[in-house]
Each structure stands twice: as C-alpha cells, then as structure tokens.
N, C-alpha and C. Protein backbone atom coordinates (compact mmCIF):
# COMPACT_ATOMS: atom_id res chain seq x y z
N MET A 1 10.45 -1.28 12.84
CA MET A 1 10.28 -2.68 13.15
C MET A 1 11.55 -3.16 13.85
N SER A 2 11.41 -3.72 15.02
CA SER A 2 12.58 -4.18 15.75
C SER A 2 12.92 -5.61 15.35
N VAL A 3 14.19 -5.94 15.52
CA VAL A 3 14.69 -7.27 15.17
C VAL A 3 15.39 -7.85 16.39
N VAL A 4 15.18 -9.12 16.63
CA VAL A 4 15.85 -9.81 17.73
C VAL A 4 16.88 -10.74 17.11
N ALA A 5 18.15 -10.50 17.39
CA ALA A 5 19.21 -11.34 16.85
C ALA A 5 19.29 -12.63 17.65
N LEU A 6 19.57 -13.71 16.97
CA LEU A 6 19.70 -15.01 17.64
C LEU A 6 21.07 -15.16 18.30
N GLN A 7 22.01 -14.35 17.88
CA GLN A 7 23.35 -14.43 18.44
C GLN A 7 23.65 -13.14 19.21
N PRO A 8 24.02 -13.23 20.48
CA PRO A 8 24.32 -12.02 21.26
C PRO A 8 25.44 -11.21 20.59
N GLY A 9 25.25 -9.88 20.59
CA GLY A 9 26.27 -9.01 20.04
C GLY A 9 26.23 -8.86 18.53
N TYR A 10 25.26 -9.48 17.88
CA TYR A 10 25.17 -9.38 16.42
C TYR A 10 24.94 -7.94 16.00
N THR A 11 25.65 -7.50 15.00
CA THR A 11 25.42 -6.19 14.39
C THR A 11 25.41 -6.39 12.88
N GLY A 12 24.68 -5.54 12.23
CA GLY A 12 24.63 -5.62 10.76
C GLY A 12 24.08 -4.32 10.22
N THR A 13 24.23 -4.16 8.93
CA THR A 13 23.73 -2.97 8.27
C THR A 13 22.29 -3.21 7.84
N VAL A 14 21.42 -2.30 8.22
CA VAL A 14 20.03 -2.39 7.80
C VAL A 14 19.98 -1.96 6.33
N ALA A 15 19.46 -2.82 5.46
CA ALA A 15 19.53 -2.58 4.03
C ALA A 15 18.31 -1.88 3.45
N ASP A 16 17.28 -1.66 4.25
CA ASP A 16 16.08 -1.06 3.67
C ASP A 16 15.65 0.22 4.37
N THR A 17 16.62 1.00 4.84
CA THR A 17 16.29 2.29 5.43
C THR A 17 15.92 3.28 4.32
N GLU A 18 15.16 4.28 4.68
CA GLU A 18 14.63 5.23 3.70
C GLU A 18 15.74 5.89 2.86
N ASP A 19 16.88 6.16 3.46
CA ASP A 19 17.95 6.85 2.74
C ASP A 19 18.52 6.02 1.58
N ARG A 20 18.18 4.76 1.49
CA ARG A 20 18.71 3.89 0.43
C ARG A 20 17.79 3.82 -0.80
N PHE A 21 16.73 4.61 -0.82
CA PHE A 21 15.75 4.50 -1.91
C PHE A 21 15.65 5.77 -2.74
N HIS A 22 16.73 6.55 -2.81
CA HIS A 22 16.84 7.68 -3.74
C HIS A 22 15.68 8.66 -3.62
N GLY A 23 15.31 9.00 -2.39
CA GLY A 23 14.23 9.96 -2.16
C GLY A 23 12.84 9.34 -2.10
N ASN A 24 12.75 8.06 -2.31
CA ASN A 24 11.46 7.37 -2.24
C ASN A 24 11.26 6.73 -0.87
N ARG A 25 10.02 6.38 -0.61
CA ARG A 25 9.67 5.62 0.59
C ARG A 25 9.01 4.33 0.14
N LEU A 26 9.26 3.27 0.87
CA LEU A 26 8.56 2.02 0.59
C LEU A 26 7.15 2.13 1.15
N LEU A 27 6.19 1.77 0.32
CA LEU A 27 4.80 1.77 0.74
C LEU A 27 4.22 0.40 0.39
N TYR A 28 3.70 -0.30 1.39
CA TYR A 28 3.06 -1.60 1.19
C TYR A 28 1.57 -1.35 0.98
N ILE A 29 1.01 -1.92 -0.10
CA ILE A 29 -0.40 -1.69 -0.44
C ILE A 29 -1.06 -3.03 -0.71
N GLY A 30 -2.18 -3.30 -0.01
CA GLY A 30 -2.92 -4.54 -0.20
C GLY A 30 -4.38 -4.27 -0.52
N TRP A 31 -4.95 -5.13 -1.34
CA TRP A 31 -6.36 -5.03 -1.73
C TRP A 31 -7.13 -6.13 -1.02
N GLU A 32 -7.94 -5.75 -0.05
CA GLU A 32 -8.71 -6.71 0.72
C GLU A 32 -9.70 -7.47 -0.17
N ASP A 33 -9.97 -8.71 0.19
CA ASP A 33 -10.95 -9.57 -0.49
C ASP A 33 -10.54 -9.92 -1.91
N HIS A 34 -9.27 -9.80 -2.24
CA HIS A 34 -8.79 -10.11 -3.59
C HIS A 34 -7.49 -10.91 -3.48
N LEU A 35 -7.64 -12.18 -3.15
CA LEU A 35 -6.47 -13.02 -2.89
C LEU A 35 -5.76 -13.48 -4.16
N LEU A 36 -6.22 -13.01 -5.32
CA LEU A 36 -5.42 -13.21 -6.52
C LEU A 36 -4.06 -12.56 -6.29
N PHE A 37 -4.05 -11.51 -5.44
CA PHE A 37 -2.84 -10.84 -5.00
C PHE A 37 -2.67 -11.23 -3.54
N CYS A 38 -1.89 -12.26 -3.28
CA CYS A 38 -1.87 -12.91 -1.96
C CYS A 38 -1.24 -12.08 -0.86
N ALA A 39 -0.52 -11.04 -1.21
CA ALA A 39 0.15 -10.22 -0.20
C ALA A 39 0.20 -8.79 -0.69
N PRO A 40 0.40 -7.84 0.20
CA PRO A 40 0.55 -6.46 -0.25
C PRO A 40 1.76 -6.33 -1.19
N VAL A 41 1.67 -5.41 -2.12
CA VAL A 41 2.81 -5.11 -2.97
C VAL A 41 3.63 -4.03 -2.25
N CYS A 42 4.90 -4.00 -2.52
CA CYS A 42 5.78 -3.00 -1.93
C CYS A 42 6.30 -2.13 -3.06
N LEU A 43 6.03 -0.83 -2.96
CA LEU A 43 6.41 0.09 -4.02
C LEU A 43 7.26 1.22 -3.47
N PRO A 44 8.35 1.58 -4.17
CA PRO A 44 9.12 2.76 -3.78
C PRO A 44 8.47 3.99 -4.43
N LEU A 45 7.94 4.89 -3.61
CA LEU A 45 7.20 6.04 -4.14
C LEU A 45 7.71 7.33 -3.51
N PRO A 46 7.68 8.42 -4.27
CA PRO A 46 8.11 9.70 -3.70
C PRO A 46 7.10 10.21 -2.68
N PRO A 47 7.55 10.68 -1.54
CA PRO A 47 6.62 11.16 -0.51
C PRO A 47 5.79 12.35 -0.99
N SER A 48 6.25 13.06 -2.03
CA SER A 48 5.54 14.22 -2.55
C SER A 48 4.42 13.85 -3.53
N MET A 49 4.33 12.56 -3.91
CA MET A 49 3.30 12.14 -4.85
C MET A 49 1.92 12.36 -4.25
N PRO A 50 1.00 12.99 -5.00
CA PRO A 50 -0.37 13.11 -4.49
C PRO A 50 -1.02 11.74 -4.35
N PHE A 51 -1.80 11.56 -3.32
CA PHE A 51 -2.48 10.27 -3.12
C PHE A 51 -3.34 9.95 -4.34
N GLY A 52 -3.95 10.96 -4.94
CA GLY A 52 -4.77 10.75 -6.13
C GLY A 52 -3.98 10.16 -7.28
N ALA A 53 -2.69 10.51 -7.41
CA ALA A 53 -1.83 9.94 -8.45
C ALA A 53 -1.56 8.47 -8.19
N LEU A 54 -1.51 8.10 -6.93
CA LEU A 54 -1.36 6.68 -6.59
C LEU A 54 -2.54 5.90 -7.18
N LEU A 55 -3.74 6.45 -7.02
CA LEU A 55 -4.95 5.79 -7.52
C LEU A 55 -5.01 5.78 -9.05
N SER A 56 -4.69 6.90 -9.67
CA SER A 56 -4.85 7.01 -11.12
C SER A 56 -3.67 6.52 -11.93
N ASP A 57 -2.45 6.63 -11.39
CA ASP A 57 -1.26 6.33 -12.18
C ASP A 57 -0.51 5.08 -11.76
N VAL A 58 -0.59 4.72 -10.50
CA VAL A 58 0.21 3.60 -9.99
C VAL A 58 -0.62 2.31 -9.87
N LEU A 59 -1.73 2.38 -9.16
CA LEU A 59 -2.49 1.15 -8.89
C LEU A 59 -3.05 0.46 -10.14
N PRO A 60 -3.39 1.18 -11.22
CA PRO A 60 -3.82 0.45 -12.42
C PRO A 60 -2.73 -0.49 -12.96
N GLY A 61 -1.48 -0.12 -12.84
CA GLY A 61 -0.39 -0.98 -13.29
C GLY A 61 -0.15 -2.17 -12.37
N VAL A 62 -0.60 -2.05 -11.13
CA VAL A 62 -0.41 -3.12 -10.15
C VAL A 62 -1.60 -4.08 -10.15
N TYR A 63 -2.80 -3.52 -10.06
CA TYR A 63 -3.99 -4.33 -9.90
C TYR A 63 -4.92 -4.34 -11.11
N GLY A 64 -4.57 -3.62 -12.15
CA GLY A 64 -5.45 -3.46 -13.31
C GLY A 64 -5.81 -4.72 -14.05
N SER A 65 -5.03 -5.79 -13.88
CA SER A 65 -5.34 -7.05 -14.57
C SER A 65 -6.52 -7.78 -13.93
N HIS A 66 -6.91 -7.38 -12.72
CA HIS A 66 -8.03 -8.04 -12.06
C HIS A 66 -9.35 -7.52 -12.63
N PRO A 67 -10.31 -8.42 -12.94
CA PRO A 67 -11.57 -7.97 -13.52
C PRO A 67 -12.36 -7.00 -12.64
N ASP A 68 -12.16 -7.01 -11.32
CA ASP A 68 -12.86 -6.07 -10.44
C ASP A 68 -12.28 -4.67 -10.51
N PHE A 69 -11.04 -4.52 -10.96
CA PHE A 69 -10.38 -3.22 -10.85
C PHE A 69 -11.15 -2.12 -11.57
N GLU A 70 -11.61 -2.39 -12.77
CA GLU A 70 -12.33 -1.35 -13.52
C GLU A 70 -13.66 -0.97 -12.88
N ARG A 71 -14.13 -1.76 -11.94
CA ARG A 71 -15.40 -1.49 -11.25
C ARG A 71 -15.21 -0.71 -9.95
N ILE A 72 -13.97 -0.39 -9.59
CA ILE A 72 -13.73 0.32 -8.33
C ILE A 72 -14.27 1.74 -8.40
N ASP A 73 -15.04 2.08 -7.40
CA ASP A 73 -15.46 3.46 -7.18
C ASP A 73 -14.63 3.95 -5.99
N TRP A 74 -13.56 4.70 -6.29
CA TRP A 74 -12.63 5.11 -5.24
C TRP A 74 -13.30 5.94 -4.16
N SER A 75 -14.43 6.58 -4.47
CA SER A 75 -15.10 7.39 -3.45
C SER A 75 -15.73 6.52 -2.36
N THR A 76 -15.91 5.23 -2.63
CA THR A 76 -16.48 4.34 -1.62
C THR A 76 -15.43 3.45 -0.95
N ALA A 77 -14.19 3.54 -1.42
CA ALA A 77 -13.14 2.67 -0.88
C ALA A 77 -12.92 2.96 0.60
N GLN A 78 -12.73 1.89 1.35
CA GLN A 78 -12.41 2.00 2.77
C GLN A 78 -10.92 1.73 2.91
N TRP A 79 -10.21 2.64 3.53
CA TRP A 79 -8.75 2.54 3.65
C TRP A 79 -8.35 2.26 5.09
N PHE A 80 -7.25 1.53 5.23
CA PHE A 80 -6.70 1.19 6.53
C PHE A 80 -5.19 1.46 6.50
N ASP A 81 -4.69 2.13 7.51
CA ASP A 81 -3.26 2.38 7.66
C ASP A 81 -2.83 1.61 8.90
N SER A 82 -2.03 0.59 8.70
CA SER A 82 -1.59 -0.29 9.78
C SER A 82 -2.78 -0.83 10.57
N GLY A 83 -3.85 -1.19 9.85
CA GLY A 83 -5.03 -1.81 10.45
C GLY A 83 -6.07 -0.85 10.97
N LYS A 84 -5.76 0.44 11.01
CA LYS A 84 -6.70 1.43 11.55
C LYS A 84 -7.37 2.17 10.39
N PRO A 85 -8.67 2.45 10.50
CA PRO A 85 -9.35 3.21 9.44
C PRO A 85 -8.62 4.52 9.16
N PHE A 86 -8.60 4.86 7.89
CA PHE A 86 -7.80 5.98 7.42
C PHE A 86 -8.54 6.60 6.23
N LYS A 87 -8.68 7.91 6.21
CA LYS A 87 -9.38 8.58 5.10
C LYS A 87 -8.37 9.48 4.39
N PRO A 88 -7.76 8.97 3.32
CA PRO A 88 -6.77 9.77 2.61
C PRO A 88 -7.41 10.92 1.84
N ASP A 89 -6.67 11.99 1.69
CA ASP A 89 -7.10 13.13 0.88
C ASP A 89 -6.36 13.00 -0.44
N PRO A 90 -7.08 12.76 -1.55
CA PRO A 90 -6.42 12.56 -2.85
C PRO A 90 -5.58 13.75 -3.30
N ALA A 91 -5.89 14.95 -2.86
CA ALA A 91 -5.14 16.13 -3.28
C ALA A 91 -3.84 16.31 -2.50
N LYS A 92 -3.74 15.68 -1.34
CA LYS A 92 -2.54 15.82 -0.52
C LYS A 92 -1.51 14.75 -0.90
N SER A 93 -0.26 15.04 -0.58
CA SER A 93 0.82 14.10 -0.87
C SER A 93 0.72 12.87 0.04
N LEU A 94 1.48 11.85 -0.33
CA LEU A 94 1.54 10.66 0.52
C LEU A 94 2.02 11.05 1.91
N ALA A 95 3.06 11.90 1.96
CA ALA A 95 3.59 12.35 3.25
C ALA A 95 2.55 13.13 4.04
N ASP A 96 1.84 14.04 3.36
CA ASP A 96 0.84 14.85 4.06
C ASP A 96 -0.36 14.01 4.50
N ASN A 97 -0.52 12.84 3.93
CA ASN A 97 -1.56 11.90 4.39
C ASN A 97 -1.04 11.04 5.54
N GLY A 98 0.17 11.32 6.01
CA GLY A 98 0.71 10.62 7.16
C GLY A 98 1.42 9.31 6.84
N LEU A 99 1.67 9.05 5.56
CA LEU A 99 2.32 7.79 5.18
C LEU A 99 3.82 7.97 5.25
N VAL A 100 4.45 7.08 5.99
CA VAL A 100 5.89 7.14 6.22
C VAL A 100 6.55 5.92 5.57
N HIS A 101 7.86 5.87 5.63
CA HIS A 101 8.62 4.75 5.09
C HIS A 101 8.12 3.44 5.72
N LYS A 102 7.74 2.51 4.87
CA LYS A 102 7.24 1.19 5.24
C LYS A 102 5.82 1.21 5.81
N SER A 103 5.05 2.25 5.52
CA SER A 103 3.64 2.23 5.90
C SER A 103 2.96 1.07 5.19
N VAL A 104 1.99 0.48 5.87
CA VAL A 104 1.20 -0.61 5.30
C VAL A 104 -0.23 -0.11 5.19
N ILE A 105 -0.71 0.05 3.95
CA ILE A 105 -2.09 0.47 3.77
C ILE A 105 -2.83 -0.61 2.99
N ARG A 106 -4.11 -0.73 3.30
CA ARG A 106 -4.96 -1.71 2.62
C ARG A 106 -6.26 -1.00 2.27
N PHE A 107 -6.89 -1.48 1.21
CA PHE A 107 -8.18 -0.90 0.86
C PHE A 107 -9.18 -1.99 0.57
N ARG A 108 -10.43 -1.66 0.81
CA ARG A 108 -11.56 -2.56 0.56
C ARG A 108 -12.61 -1.73 -0.15
N VAL A 109 -13.28 -2.35 -1.13
CA VAL A 109 -14.33 -1.65 -1.86
C VAL A 109 -15.63 -2.41 -1.66
N PRO A 110 -16.62 -1.79 -1.00
CA PRO A 110 -17.90 -2.47 -0.78
C PRO A 110 -18.47 -3.00 -2.10
N GLY A 111 -18.93 -4.25 -2.05
CA GLY A 111 -19.54 -4.88 -3.21
C GLY A 111 -18.57 -5.63 -4.10
N LEU A 112 -17.26 -5.43 -3.91
CA LEU A 112 -16.28 -6.15 -4.72
C LEU A 112 -15.59 -7.16 -3.82
N LYS A 113 -15.82 -8.43 -4.12
CA LYS A 113 -15.28 -9.52 -3.29
C LYS A 113 -14.50 -10.53 -4.12
N GLY A 114 -13.84 -10.07 -5.18
CA GLY A 114 -13.04 -10.97 -5.99
C GLY A 114 -13.85 -11.57 -7.13
N ILE A 115 -13.20 -12.41 -7.90
CA ILE A 115 -13.79 -13.00 -9.08
C ILE A 115 -15.06 -13.79 -8.71
N LYS A 116 -16.19 -13.33 -9.23
CA LYS A 116 -17.50 -13.93 -8.95
C LYS A 116 -17.75 -14.11 -7.46
N GLY A 117 -17.24 -13.16 -6.64
CA GLY A 117 -17.46 -13.20 -5.20
C GLY A 117 -16.63 -14.21 -4.45
N SER A 118 -15.62 -14.78 -5.12
CA SER A 118 -14.84 -15.87 -4.53
C SER A 118 -13.73 -15.41 -3.58
N GLY A 119 -13.47 -14.10 -3.54
CA GLY A 119 -12.36 -13.62 -2.72
C GLY A 119 -11.02 -13.74 -3.42
N SER A 120 -11.04 -14.13 -4.67
CA SER A 120 -9.77 -14.25 -5.42
C SER A 120 -9.67 -13.19 -6.48
C-alpha cells in the first residue's frame, strides 16, 4: 500500500512490515452480510497455518458469538481475496493459498444474512 506524504521529503519508519510480527503475517478477515462486525478483523497468523485451522481454531473465537456462526457450512462459503473470488484449500497453509502479509479476505455464506436476515 503506497502512502502520499503531505510534506515534501517526509521519511518515516513503517511500523507494520511483516518482519515486525515475529514470523506472523497480518491477515484481514471480514464476514459479509454480518454488520455486527462492522469491519474486517486483523489477525497476526503464521503463514504455515493450514487454512482449515483458521476455520476450526481461529474464527470461532472471533465470530463465534454471532448466532449465525454455528450454522455456517464451510463447504458452501464463498471466499474473496482482495475482492476477487478465491477458493482456499483447507489442507494447504495460508501461504500456499496465496495469502501474503496484509491480505484482505472476506467470506459469504449463502442463506446467512445476519440476525433474522437483518444484515447485522
């Protein structure tokens, strides 16, 4: 992501480069049609983590309080990586699924549109 400084000649240290996260990468994850979570969450995750572990071990702690979460059928989830359709392989690592530092992924589950269909 490029930055435009308002003052000519400005220099500064970038504070969120991958090397500052102890071997982890920042991954932004958003759940479409569920505005109870108004923005994607940002998680520092190891690139070697299997995508399936993200679903089974990480996302329940993030989104599990939502009443729709227990109804998710991950086999029907539609995934997007930076707005483009993306089909992750649960057995492959985050890195092997093409996710890099600061990737933005979102998912949508057909039939789940928030609390009583409200989008929240």
